[in-house]
N, C-alpha and C. Protein backbone atom coordinates (compact mmCIF):
# COMPACT_ATOMS: atom_id res chain seq x y z
N UNK A 1 4.81 -13.75 27.56
CA UNK A 1 3.81 -13.23 26.64
C UNK A 1 3.65 -11.71 26.85
N UNK A 2 3.68 -11.29 28.11
CA UNK A 2 3.54 -9.87 28.41
C UNK A 2 4.71 -9.08 27.82
N UNK A 3 5.92 -9.63 27.92
CA UNK A 3 7.09 -8.96 27.35
C UNK A 3 6.97 -8.83 25.83
N UNK A 4 6.43 -9.83 25.19
CA UNK A 4 6.24 -9.79 23.74
C UNK A 4 5.23 -8.69 23.37
N UNK A 5 4.14 -8.61 24.10
CA UNK A 5 3.13 -7.58 23.85
C UNK A 5 3.72 -6.19 24.05
N UNK A 6 4.46 -6.01 25.15
CA UNK A 6 5.07 -4.71 25.44
C UNK A 6 6.11 -4.37 24.37
N UNK A 7 6.89 -5.34 23.95
CA UNK A 7 7.91 -5.13 22.91
C UNK A 7 7.28 -4.73 21.59
N UNK A 8 6.21 -5.42 21.19
CA UNK A 8 5.52 -5.07 19.94
C UNK A 8 4.89 -3.69 20.01
N UNK A 9 4.31 -3.36 21.16
CA UNK A 9 3.72 -2.05 21.33
C UNK A 9 4.79 -0.96 21.26
N UNK A 10 5.93 -1.21 21.86
CA UNK A 10 7.05 -0.27 21.83
C UNK A 10 7.52 -0.05 20.39
N UNK A 11 7.63 -1.12 19.63
CA UNK A 11 8.05 -1.02 18.23
C UNK A 11 7.04 -0.19 17.43
N UNK A 12 5.73 -0.45 17.64
CA UNK A 12 4.67 0.28 16.95
C UNK A 12 4.73 1.77 17.30
N UNK A 13 4.95 2.09 18.55
CA UNK A 13 5.04 3.48 18.98
C UNK A 13 6.25 4.18 18.35
N UNK A 14 7.36 3.47 18.24
CA UNK A 14 8.55 4.05 17.60
C UNK A 14 8.29 4.35 16.12
N UNK A 15 7.58 3.44 15.46
CA UNK A 15 7.23 3.66 14.05
C UNK A 15 6.33 4.88 13.89
N UNK A 16 5.36 5.03 14.79
CA UNK A 16 4.48 6.19 14.76
C UNK A 16 5.26 7.47 15.02
N UNK A 17 6.21 7.43 15.94
CA UNK A 17 7.02 8.60 16.25
C UNK A 17 7.83 9.04 15.04
N UNK A 18 8.45 8.10 14.35
CA UNK A 18 9.24 8.44 13.16
C UNK A 18 8.33 9.04 12.09
N UNK A 19 7.17 8.46 11.89
CA UNK A 19 6.22 8.98 10.91
C UNK A 19 5.78 10.39 11.27
N UNK A 20 5.48 10.62 12.53
CA UNK A 20 5.05 11.94 12.99
C UNK A 20 6.17 12.96 12.84
N UNK A 21 7.39 12.57 13.16
CA UNK A 21 8.52 13.48 13.03
C UNK A 21 8.74 13.86 11.56
N UNK A 22 8.54 12.94 10.65
CA UNK A 22 8.67 13.23 9.22
C UNK A 22 7.62 14.24 8.78
N UNK A 23 6.39 14.06 9.21
CA UNK A 23 5.32 14.99 8.86
C UNK A 23 5.60 16.37 9.43
N UNK A 24 6.05 16.44 10.67
CA UNK A 24 6.36 17.73 11.30
C UNK A 24 7.48 18.44 10.54
N UNK A 25 8.52 17.71 10.14
CA UNK A 25 9.62 18.31 9.38
C UNK A 25 9.13 18.85 8.04
N UNK A 26 8.27 18.10 7.35
CA UNK A 26 7.72 18.56 6.09
C UNK A 26 6.89 19.82 6.28
N UNK A 27 6.07 19.82 7.30
CA UNK A 27 5.21 20.97 7.56
C UNK A 27 6.04 22.19 7.97
N UNK A 28 7.12 21.98 8.68
CA UNK A 28 8.00 23.09 9.06
C UNK A 28 8.63 23.73 7.83
N UNK A 29 9.10 22.89 6.88
CA UNK A 29 9.64 23.40 5.61
C UNK A 29 8.59 24.19 4.86
N UNK A 30 7.41 23.62 4.77
CA UNK A 30 6.32 24.27 4.06
C UNK A 30 5.98 25.61 4.70
N UNK A 31 5.87 25.63 6.01
CA UNK A 31 5.54 26.86 6.72
C UNK A 31 6.61 27.93 6.52
N UNK A 32 7.87 27.54 6.60
CA UNK A 32 8.97 28.50 6.41
C UNK A 32 8.93 29.10 5.00
N UNK A 33 8.64 28.26 4.02
CA UNK A 33 8.59 28.77 2.65
C UNK A 33 7.37 29.66 2.43
N UNK A 34 6.24 29.29 3.01
CA UNK A 34 5.03 30.11 2.85
C UNK A 34 5.15 31.45 3.56
N UNK A 35 5.94 31.52 4.63
CA UNK A 35 6.11 32.77 5.36
C UNK A 35 7.09 33.72 4.67
N UNK A 36 7.79 33.22 3.69
CA UNK A 36 8.74 34.05 2.96
C UNK A 36 7.98 35.12 2.18
N UNK A 37 8.42 36.38 2.24
CA UNK A 37 7.72 37.45 1.51
C UNK A 37 7.79 37.29 -0.01
N UNK A 38 8.70 36.46 -0.50
CA UNK A 38 8.83 36.27 -1.95
C UNK A 38 8.19 34.96 -2.42
N UNK A 39 7.49 34.27 -1.54
CA UNK A 39 6.89 32.97 -1.89
C UNK A 39 5.85 33.11 -2.99
N UNK A 40 5.84 32.12 -3.87
CA UNK A 40 4.84 32.04 -4.95
C UNK A 40 4.14 30.70 -4.86
N UNK A 41 2.85 30.71 -5.04
CA UNK A 41 2.06 29.48 -5.10
C UNK A 41 1.66 29.29 -6.55
N UNK A 42 2.13 28.21 -7.15
CA UNK A 42 1.87 27.94 -8.56
C UNK A 42 1.00 26.69 -8.65
N UNK A 43 -0.20 26.83 -9.20
CA UNK A 43 -1.13 25.71 -9.31
C UNK A 43 -0.77 24.81 -10.48
N UNK A 44 -0.93 23.52 -10.26
CA UNK A 44 -0.75 22.54 -11.33
C UNK A 44 -2.07 21.79 -11.49
N UNK A 45 -2.43 21.54 -12.73
CA UNK A 45 -3.68 20.83 -13.02
C UNK A 45 -3.41 19.62 -13.90
N UNK A 46 -4.18 18.57 -13.64
CA UNK A 46 -4.08 17.37 -14.43
C UNK A 46 -4.60 17.57 -15.84
N UNK A 47 -4.10 16.74 -16.75
CA UNK A 47 -4.49 16.83 -18.15
C UNK A 47 -5.02 15.48 -18.61
N UNK A 48 -5.89 15.50 -19.60
CA UNK A 48 -6.41 14.32 -20.27
C UNK A 48 -6.87 13.25 -19.28
N UNK A 49 -6.27 12.07 -19.32
CA UNK A 49 -6.73 10.96 -18.48
C UNK A 49 -6.46 11.20 -17.00
N UNK A 50 -5.68 12.19 -16.66
CA UNK A 50 -5.40 12.52 -15.26
C UNK A 50 -5.99 13.88 -14.89
N UNK A 51 -7.16 14.18 -15.44
CA UNK A 51 -7.80 15.48 -15.22
C UNK A 51 -8.15 15.71 -13.75
N UNK A 52 -8.28 14.65 -12.95
CA UNK A 52 -8.61 14.83 -11.52
C UNK A 52 -7.39 15.15 -10.67
N UNK A 53 -6.20 14.99 -11.23
CA UNK A 53 -4.98 15.31 -10.49
C UNK A 53 -4.85 16.83 -10.35
N UNK A 54 -4.39 17.27 -9.20
CA UNK A 54 -4.20 18.70 -8.97
C UNK A 54 -3.15 18.89 -7.89
N UNK A 55 -2.74 20.13 -7.72
CA UNK A 55 -1.78 20.42 -6.66
C UNK A 55 -1.14 21.77 -6.84
N UNK A 56 -0.10 21.98 -6.06
CA UNK A 56 0.60 23.26 -6.06
C UNK A 56 2.10 23.05 -5.94
N UNK A 57 2.81 24.01 -6.49
CA UNK A 57 4.25 24.11 -6.29
C UNK A 57 4.46 25.38 -5.48
N UNK A 58 5.11 25.26 -4.34
CA UNK A 58 5.41 26.42 -3.51
C UNK A 58 6.87 26.77 -3.77
N UNK A 59 7.06 27.96 -4.30
CA UNK A 59 8.37 28.41 -4.73
C UNK A 59 8.77 29.63 -3.92
N UNK A 60 9.90 29.55 -3.26
CA UNK A 60 10.42 30.68 -2.50
C UNK A 60 11.87 30.90 -2.94
N UNK A 61 12.12 31.96 -3.69
CA UNK A 61 13.47 32.19 -4.22
C UNK A 61 14.58 32.16 -3.18
N UNK A 62 14.34 32.67 -1.98
CA UNK A 62 15.41 32.68 -0.98
C UNK A 62 15.64 31.31 -0.35
N UNK A 63 14.84 30.31 -0.71
CA UNK A 63 15.05 28.94 -0.22
C UNK A 63 15.70 28.04 -1.27
N UNK A 64 15.79 28.50 -2.51
CA UNK A 64 16.38 27.73 -3.62
C UNK A 64 15.81 26.33 -3.70
N UNK A 65 14.48 26.24 -3.54
CA UNK A 65 13.82 24.94 -3.60
C UNK A 65 12.35 25.15 -3.94
N UNK A 66 11.72 24.07 -4.31
CA UNK A 66 10.28 24.05 -4.54
C UNK A 66 9.71 22.89 -3.72
N UNK A 67 8.56 23.14 -3.10
CA UNK A 67 7.82 22.06 -2.45
C UNK A 67 6.66 21.73 -3.36
N UNK A 68 6.56 20.47 -3.72
CA UNK A 68 5.52 20.00 -4.62
C UNK A 68 4.50 19.22 -3.81
N UNK A 69 3.24 19.67 -3.87
CA UNK A 69 2.15 19.02 -3.14
C UNK A 69 1.08 18.67 -4.18
N UNK A 70 0.91 17.38 -4.44
CA UNK A 70 -0.03 16.93 -5.46
C UNK A 70 -0.97 15.87 -4.89
N UNK A 71 -2.13 15.72 -5.52
CA UNK A 71 -3.05 14.66 -5.13
C UNK A 71 -3.74 14.07 -6.35
N UNK A 72 -4.29 12.88 -6.16
CA UNK A 72 -5.03 12.14 -7.18
C UNK A 72 -4.17 11.66 -8.35
N UNK A 73 -2.92 11.32 -8.05
CA UNK A 73 -2.05 10.74 -9.09
C UNK A 73 -2.07 9.21 -8.95
N UNK A 74 -2.41 8.50 -10.01
CA UNK A 74 -2.39 7.04 -9.91
C UNK A 74 -0.96 6.50 -9.87
N UNK A 75 -0.82 5.32 -9.28
CA UNK A 75 0.49 4.67 -9.26
C UNK A 75 0.85 4.27 -10.68
N UNK A 76 2.13 4.15 -10.93
CA UNK A 76 2.62 3.79 -12.26
C UNK A 76 3.22 2.39 -12.24
N UNK A 77 3.26 1.74 -13.39
CA UNK A 77 3.89 0.41 -13.44
C UNK A 77 5.39 0.51 -13.18
N UNK A 78 6.00 -0.62 -12.79
CA UNK A 78 7.46 -0.62 -12.58
C UNK A 78 8.18 -0.15 -13.86
N UNK A 79 9.28 0.55 -13.66
CA UNK A 79 10.05 1.05 -14.80
C UNK A 79 9.63 2.44 -15.27
N UNK A 80 8.59 3.00 -14.62
CA UNK A 80 8.15 4.35 -14.96
C UNK A 80 8.04 5.18 -13.69
N UNK A 81 8.19 6.48 -13.84
CA UNK A 81 7.98 7.38 -12.69
C UNK A 81 7.51 8.73 -13.23
N UNK A 82 6.97 9.51 -12.32
CA UNK A 82 6.60 10.88 -12.66
C UNK A 82 7.86 11.73 -12.62
N UNK A 83 7.93 12.71 -13.51
CA UNK A 83 9.08 13.60 -13.55
C UNK A 83 8.59 15.04 -13.51
N UNK A 84 9.18 15.83 -12.62
CA UNK A 84 8.89 17.26 -12.53
C UNK A 84 9.88 17.99 -13.41
N UNK A 85 9.37 18.87 -14.27
CA UNK A 85 10.19 19.68 -15.15
C UNK A 85 10.00 21.14 -14.79
N UNK A 86 11.07 21.86 -14.64
CA UNK A 86 11.03 23.30 -14.42
C UNK A 86 11.09 23.96 -15.78
N UNK A 87 10.16 24.88 -16.01
CA UNK A 87 10.11 25.57 -17.30
C UNK A 87 10.73 26.96 -17.13
N UNK A 88 11.75 27.21 -17.92
CA UNK A 88 12.43 28.51 -17.94
C UNK A 88 12.43 28.96 -19.40
N UNK A 89 11.56 29.92 -19.70
CA UNK A 89 11.40 30.34 -21.09
C UNK A 89 10.85 29.20 -21.92
N UNK A 90 11.60 28.77 -22.93
CA UNK A 90 11.19 27.66 -23.78
C UNK A 90 11.88 26.35 -23.39
N UNK A 91 12.72 26.39 -22.35
CA UNK A 91 13.46 25.19 -21.93
C UNK A 91 12.72 24.46 -20.81
N UNK A 92 12.82 23.12 -20.83
CA UNK A 92 12.31 22.30 -19.74
C UNK A 92 13.51 21.58 -19.13
N UNK A 93 13.73 21.85 -17.82
CA UNK A 93 14.85 21.24 -17.12
C UNK A 93 14.34 20.17 -16.17
N UNK A 94 14.94 18.98 -16.24
CA UNK A 94 14.56 17.89 -15.36
C UNK A 94 14.88 18.30 -13.93
N UNK A 95 13.87 18.28 -13.07
CA UNK A 95 14.01 18.77 -11.71
C UNK A 95 14.01 17.65 -10.69
N UNK A 96 13.29 16.59 -10.95
CA UNK A 96 13.25 15.46 -10.02
C UNK A 96 12.19 14.47 -10.42
N UNK A 97 12.38 13.25 -9.97
CA UNK A 97 11.39 12.22 -10.22
C UNK A 97 10.73 11.83 -8.90
N UNK A 98 9.52 11.30 -8.99
CA UNK A 98 8.79 10.96 -7.77
C UNK A 98 7.72 9.93 -8.07
N UNK A 99 7.23 9.32 -7.02
CA UNK A 99 6.09 8.40 -7.08
C UNK A 99 5.12 8.81 -5.99
N UNK A 100 3.83 8.74 -6.25
CA UNK A 100 2.86 9.09 -5.22
C UNK A 100 2.77 7.99 -4.16
N UNK A 101 2.24 8.35 -2.99
CA UNK A 101 2.00 7.34 -1.96
C UNK A 101 0.75 6.53 -2.33
N UNK A 102 0.33 5.65 -1.46
CA UNK A 102 -0.81 4.77 -1.76
C UNK A 102 -2.12 5.54 -1.94
N UNK A 103 -2.20 6.74 -1.38
CA UNK A 103 -3.40 7.56 -1.52
C UNK A 103 -3.33 8.48 -2.74
N UNK A 104 -2.27 8.36 -3.55
CA UNK A 104 -2.13 9.19 -4.74
C UNK A 104 -1.60 10.58 -4.44
N UNK A 105 -0.95 10.75 -3.28
CA UNK A 105 -0.46 12.06 -2.86
C UNK A 105 1.06 12.14 -2.98
N UNK A 106 1.52 13.36 -3.23
CA UNK A 106 2.96 13.63 -3.32
C UNK A 106 3.26 14.85 -2.45
N UNK A 107 4.31 14.74 -1.66
CA UNK A 107 4.81 15.88 -0.89
C UNK A 107 6.32 15.76 -0.91
N UNK A 108 6.97 16.54 -1.77
CA UNK A 108 8.43 16.47 -1.87
C UNK A 108 9.00 17.89 -1.92
N UNK A 109 10.22 18.00 -1.44
CA UNK A 109 10.98 19.24 -1.55
C UNK A 109 12.14 18.96 -2.50
N UNK A 110 12.25 19.82 -3.52
CA UNK A 110 13.26 19.61 -4.56
C UNK A 110 14.13 20.86 -4.65
N UNK A 111 15.45 20.71 -4.58
CA UNK A 111 16.33 21.87 -4.74
C UNK A 111 16.29 22.41 -6.17
N UNK A 112 16.39 23.72 -6.30
CA UNK A 112 16.41 24.37 -7.61
C UNK A 112 17.62 25.28 -7.70
N UNK A 113 18.12 25.46 -8.92
CA UNK A 113 19.28 26.34 -9.07
C UNK A 113 18.91 27.69 -9.69
N UNK A 114 17.96 27.72 -10.60
CA UNK A 114 17.60 28.96 -11.29
C UNK A 114 16.22 29.43 -10.85
N UNK A 115 16.04 29.69 -9.58
CA UNK A 115 14.73 29.97 -9.00
C UNK A 115 14.07 31.22 -9.59
N UNK A 116 14.82 32.28 -9.79
CA UNK A 116 14.23 33.55 -10.21
C UNK A 116 13.77 33.58 -11.66
N UNK A 117 14.15 32.61 -12.46
CA UNK A 117 13.82 32.63 -13.89
C UNK A 117 12.69 31.68 -14.26
N UNK A 118 12.10 30.99 -13.30
CA UNK A 118 11.10 29.96 -13.57
C UNK A 118 9.81 30.59 -14.08
N UNK A 119 9.29 30.02 -15.16
CA UNK A 119 8.02 30.49 -15.71
C UNK A 119 6.90 29.46 -15.51
N UNK A 120 7.23 28.26 -15.04
CA UNK A 120 6.20 27.26 -14.80
C UNK A 120 6.79 25.89 -14.51
N UNK A 121 5.88 24.92 -14.35
CA UNK A 121 6.26 23.53 -14.08
C UNK A 121 5.41 22.61 -14.93
N UNK A 122 5.94 21.42 -15.19
CA UNK A 122 5.19 20.38 -15.89
C UNK A 122 5.55 19.04 -15.26
N UNK A 123 4.63 18.10 -15.34
CA UNK A 123 4.86 16.74 -14.86
C UNK A 123 4.60 15.79 -16.03
N UNK A 124 5.55 14.90 -16.28
CA UNK A 124 5.40 13.89 -17.33
C UNK A 124 5.60 12.51 -16.73
N UNK A 125 5.23 11.50 -17.48
CA UNK A 125 5.53 10.11 -17.12
C UNK A 125 6.71 9.70 -17.97
N UNK A 126 7.78 9.25 -17.32
CA UNK A 126 9.02 8.92 -18.03
C UNK A 126 9.51 7.53 -17.66
N UNK A 127 10.26 6.91 -18.58
CA UNK A 127 10.89 5.63 -18.26
C UNK A 127 12.12 5.87 -17.40
N UNK A 128 12.55 4.82 -16.72
CA UNK A 128 13.80 4.91 -15.96
C UNK A 128 14.89 4.30 -16.82
N UNK A 129 16.08 4.84 -16.86
CA UNK A 129 16.54 6.07 -16.22
C UNK A 129 15.93 7.29 -16.89
N UNK A 130 15.91 8.39 -16.15
CA UNK A 130 15.27 9.61 -16.61
C UNK A 130 16.01 10.18 -17.83
N UNK A 131 15.26 10.60 -18.84
CA UNK A 131 15.89 11.26 -19.99
C UNK A 131 16.25 12.71 -19.66
N UNK A 132 17.11 13.29 -20.47
CA UNK A 132 17.50 14.70 -20.27
C UNK A 132 16.39 15.66 -20.69
N UNK A 133 15.57 15.21 -21.62
CA UNK A 133 14.45 16.02 -22.11
C UNK A 133 13.18 15.18 -22.00
N UNK A 134 12.02 15.84 -21.85
CA UNK A 134 10.78 15.07 -21.72
C UNK A 134 10.50 14.24 -22.98
N UNK A 135 10.15 12.98 -22.77
CA UNK A 135 9.80 12.11 -23.89
C UNK A 135 8.41 11.52 -23.70
N UNK A 136 7.94 11.44 -22.47
CA UNK A 136 6.65 10.84 -22.16
C UNK A 136 5.52 11.85 -22.19
N UNK A 137 4.30 11.36 -21.96
CA UNK A 137 3.15 12.25 -21.99
C UNK A 137 3.14 13.21 -20.82
N UNK A 138 2.74 14.47 -21.08
CA UNK A 138 2.59 15.45 -20.02
C UNK A 138 1.24 15.17 -19.36
N UNK A 139 1.26 15.04 -18.02
CA UNK A 139 0.04 14.72 -17.28
C UNK A 139 -0.42 15.87 -16.39
N UNK A 140 0.47 16.83 -16.10
CA UNK A 140 0.11 18.00 -15.30
C UNK A 140 0.92 19.19 -15.81
N UNK A 141 0.33 20.39 -15.70
CA UNK A 141 1.08 21.58 -16.06
C UNK A 141 0.56 22.77 -15.26
N UNK A 142 1.40 23.81 -15.22
CA UNK A 142 1.03 25.04 -14.54
C UNK A 142 0.86 26.12 -15.59
N UNK A 143 0.17 27.16 -15.18
CA UNK A 143 0.06 28.34 -16.03
C UNK A 143 0.38 29.51 -15.14
N UNK A 144 1.70 29.78 -14.96
CA UNK A 144 2.11 30.86 -14.05
C UNK A 144 2.30 32.15 -14.81
């Protein structure tokens, strides 16, 4: 019985270690991007029925990526996901899809190719597989 207790405790500790290492890696990425002299913080706000959703996109041109940090996003039914769109002029480019965690939070790093030309971001709800252009309702947007 003692071996079983020790084994279960060891397994629990390993799970906590992996979780902690993931958080540390995310925070290290975020810190590196925020320390960049060219970093931009772009606010995103919820719209209509998701007016309580909010967050930021951290954009650092020399990292060729964006870190998306959002909160208060409700879970979606199966077959749907949130989609991040990069706005360049009048074009919206599909940047990545995501689902919030159980607390309605999102923390993802997404690679970008045209970092210097970005004029904003939008989040829509889309069916799977993701379309090439937005078809679903826009639930968050930035005004950069």
